[in-house]
Amino acid sequence: MTKPKNTKKEKISVANEIDRIEEQRMRCQGSLERAEFRHRREQLSDEDRKALEDEMTIMNERIQRYEKELEVLRRENRKNMMISVALLAISGLFYYVFIN
């Protein structure tokens, strides 16, 4: 049953994956900002404060993981773009040499 999910994920373009991860990172960043605001403004019990700090730690880790994923995807996107440009240049050269 995991195989259809994997094949579907493989069909997602790098640009769409970048957009999806950026959106997740932005949502997580917003949640972190709300938690930080609550941490500063509200009078919390020690237990609630500890739970909120743990939640903020988890969100920071997620944001860092998303940023690493974005870095890898952007590198792959640049590589794909360079390959596309090289193929276009080679096609243009062949067209110029053999057609004209």
C-alpha atoms as a PDB file:
ATOM      1  CA  MET A   1       0.000   0.000   0.000  1.00  0.00           C
ATOM      2  CA  THR A   2       2.937   2.367   0.481  1.00  0.00           C
ATOM      3  CA  LYS A   3       4.016   1.862  -3.113  1.00  0.00           C
ATOM      4  CA  PRO A   4       1.220   3.983  -4.697  1.00  0.00           C
ATOM      5  CA  LYS A   5       2.019   6.795  -2.285  1.00  0.00           C
ATOM      6  CA  ASN A   6       5.701   6.675  -3.256  1.00  0.00           C
ATOM      7  CA  THR A   7       4.975   6.644  -6.992  1.00  0.00           C
ATOM      8  CA  LYS A   8       2.604   9.569  -6.582  1.00  0.00           C
ATOM      9  CA  LYS A   9       5.219  11.520  -4.641  1.00  0.00           C
ATOM     10  CA  GLU A  10       7.823  10.867  -7.349  1.00  0.00           C
ATOM     11  CA  LYS A  11       5.597  12.609  -9.893  1.00  0.00           C
ATOM     12  CA  ILE A  12       5.650  15.880  -7.951  1.00  0.00           C
ATOM     13  CA  SER A  13       7.939  18.433  -9.544  1.00  0.00           C
ATOM     14  CA  VAL A  14      10.813  19.954  -7.621  1.00  0.00           C
ATOM     15  CA  ALA A  15       9.213  23.400  -7.832  1.00  0.00           C
ATOM     16  CA  ASN A  16       5.919  22.101  -6.398  1.00  0.00           C
ATOM     17  CA  GLU A  17       7.804  20.345  -3.613  1.00  0.00           C
ATOM     18  CA  ILE A  18       9.673  23.573  -2.814  1.00  0.00           C
ATOM     19  CA  ASP A  19       6.379  25.472  -2.643  1.00  0.00           C
ATOM     20  CA  ARG A  20       4.816  22.821  -0.395  1.00  0.00           C
ATOM     21  CA  ILE A  21       7.732  22.784   2.037  1.00  0.00           C
ATOM     22  CA  GLU A  22       7.935  26.602   2.116  1.00  0.00           C
ATOM     23  CA  GLU A  23       4.242  26.709   3.001  1.00  0.00           C
ATOM     24  CA  GLN A  24       4.754  24.170   5.805  1.00  0.00           C
ATOM     25  CA  ARG A  25       7.747  26.137   7.082  1.00  0.00           C
ATOM     26  CA  MET A  26       5.731  29.369   7.082  1.00  0.00           C
ATOM     27  CA  ARG A  27       2.886  27.732   9.020  1.00  0.00           C
ATOM     28  CA  CYS A  28       5.353  26.342  11.541  1.00  0.00           C
ATOM     29  CA  GLN A  29       7.055  29.747  11.801  1.00  0.00           C
ATOM     30  CA  GLY A  30       3.677  31.361  12.510  1.00  0.00           C
ATOM     31  CA  SER A  31       2.919  28.800  15.214  1.00  0.00           C
ATOM     32  CA  LEU A  32       6.334  29.417  16.749  1.00  0.00           C
ATOM     33  CA  GLU A  33       5.755  33.184  16.799  1.00  0.00           C
ATOM     34  CA  ARG A  34       2.368  32.709  18.500  1.00  0.00           C
ATOM     35  CA  ALA A  35       3.941  30.392  21.074  1.00  0.00           C
ATOM     36  CA  GLU A  36       6.773  32.860  21.733  1.00  0.00           C
ATOM     37  CA  PHE A  37       4.241  35.690  22.154  1.00  0.00           C
ATOM     38  CA  ARG A  38       2.231  33.571  24.584  1.00  0.00           C
ATOM     39  CA  HIS A  39       5.418  32.661  26.447  1.00  0.00           C
ATOM     40  CA  ARG A  40       6.303  36.344  26.912  1.00  0.00           C
ATOM     41  CA  ARG A  41       2.840  37.745  27.685  1.00  0.00           C
ATOM     42  CA  GLU A  42       0.971  35.188  29.726  1.00  0.00           C
ATOM     43  CA  GLN A  43       1.507  34.162  33.296  1.00  0.00           C
ATOM     44  CA  LEU A  44       1.980  30.418  33.000  1.00  0.00           C
ATOM     45  CA  SER A  45       2.469  27.749  35.602  1.00  0.00           C
ATOM     46  CA  ASP A  46       5.827  25.990  35.611  1.00  0.00           C
ATOM     47  CA  GLU A  47       4.265  22.934  33.985  1.00  0.00           C
ATOM     48  CA  ASP A  48       2.589  24.981  31.231  1.00  0.00           C
ATOM     49  CA  ARG A  49       5.764  27.000  30.663  1.00  0.00           C
ATOM     50  CA  LYS A  50       7.816  23.793  30.326  1.00  0.00           C
ATOM     51  CA  ALA A  51       5.264  22.317  27.885  1.00  0.00           C
ATOM     52  CA  LEU A  52       5.303  25.518  25.831  1.00  0.00           C
ATOM     53  CA  GLU A  53       9.104  25.582  25.766  1.00  0.00           C
ATOM     54  CA  ASP A  54       9.145  21.938  24.629  1.00  0.00           C
ATOM     55  CA  GLU A  55       6.662  22.795  21.888  1.00  0.00           C
ATOM     56  CA  MET A  56       8.815  25.738  20.794  1.00  0.00           C
ATOM     57  CA  THR A  57      11.880  23.472  20.694  1.00  0.00           C
ATOM     58  CA  ILE A  58      10.045  20.981  18.498  1.00  0.00           C
ATOM     59  CA  MET A  59       8.898  23.761  16.159  1.00  0.00           C
ATOM     60  CA  ASN A  60      12.449  25.126  15.899  1.00  0.00           C
ATOM     61  CA  GLU A  61      13.695  21.647  14.971  1.00  0.00           C
ATOM     62  CA  ARG A  62      10.983  21.321  12.314  1.00  0.00           C
ATOM     63  CA  ILE A  63      11.850  24.708  10.852  1.00  0.00           C
ATOM     64  CA  GLN A  64      15.519  23.728  10.657  1.00  0.00           C
ATOM     65  CA  ARG A  65      14.585  20.433   8.986  1.00  0.00           C
ATOM     66  CA  TYR A  66      12.398  22.261   6.460  1.00  0.00           C
ATOM     67  CA  GLU A  67      15.225  24.691   5.707  1.00  0.00           C
ATOM     68  CA  LYS A  68      17.613  21.791   5.068  1.00  0.00           C
ATOM     69  CA  GLU A  69      15.082  20.140   2.760  1.00  0.00           C
ATOM     70  CA  LEU A  70      14.606  23.433   0.927  1.00  0.00           C
ATOM     71  CA  GLU A  71      18.355  23.806   0.482  1.00  0.00           C
ATOM     72  CA  VAL A  72      18.599  20.331  -1.080  1.00  0.00           C
ATOM     73  CA  LEU A  73      15.575  20.922  -3.325  1.00  0.00           C
ATOM     74  CA  ARG A  74      16.832  24.313  -4.479  1.00  0.00           C
ATOM     75  CA  ARG A  75      20.208  22.781  -5.322  1.00  0.00           C
ATOM     76  CA  GLU A  76      18.439  20.083  -7.349  1.00  0.00           C
ATOM     77  CA  ASN A  77      16.285  22.719  -9.034  1.00  0.00           C
ATOM     78  CA  ARG A  78      19.406  24.701 -10.052  1.00  0.00           C
ATOM     79  CA  LYS A  79      20.994  21.528 -11.409  1.00  0.00           C
ATOM     80  CA  ASN A  80      17.867  20.757 -13.462  1.00  0.00           C
ATOM     81  CA  MET A  81      17.805  24.320 -14.778  1.00  0.00           C
ATOM     82  CA  MET A  82      21.454  24.136 -15.847  1.00  0.00           C
ATOM     83  CA  ILE A  83      20.815  20.843 -17.653  1.00  0.00           C
ATOM     84  CA  SER A  84      17.823  22.398 -19.431  1.00  0.00           C
ATOM     85  CA  VAL A  85      19.837  25.438 -20.486  1.00  0.00           C
ATOM     86  CA  ALA A  86      22.685  23.224 -21.721  1.00  0.00           C
ATOM     87  CA  LEU A  87      20.285  21.089 -23.761  1.00  0.00           C
ATOM     88  CA  LEU A  88      18.685  24.198 -25.223  1.00  0.00           C
ATOM     89  CA  ALA A  89      22.098  25.582 -26.173  1.00  0.00           C
ATOM     90  CA  ILE A  90      23.136  22.285 -27.774  1.00  0.00           C
ATOM     91  CA  SER A  91      19.833  22.117 -29.676  1.00  0.00           C
ATOM     92  CA  GLY A  92      20.310  25.675 -30.878  1.00  0.00           C
ATOM     93  CA  LEU A  93      23.869  24.907 -31.972  1.00  0.00           C
ATOM     94  CA  PHE A  94      22.789  21.809 -33.908  1.00  0.00           C
ATOM     95  CA  TYR A  95      19.966  23.762 -35.521  1.00  0.00           C
ATOM     96  CA  TYR A  96      22.339  26.550 -36.537  1.00  0.00           C
ATOM     97  CA  VAL A  97      25.025  24.165 -37.851  1.00  0.00           C
ATOM     98  CA  PHE A  98      22.869  21.624 -39.691  1.00  0.00           C
ATOM     99  CA  ILE A  99      19.747  23.539 -40.704  1.00  0.00           C
ATOM    100  CA  ASN A 100      21.224  26.872 -41.745  1.00  0.00           C
END
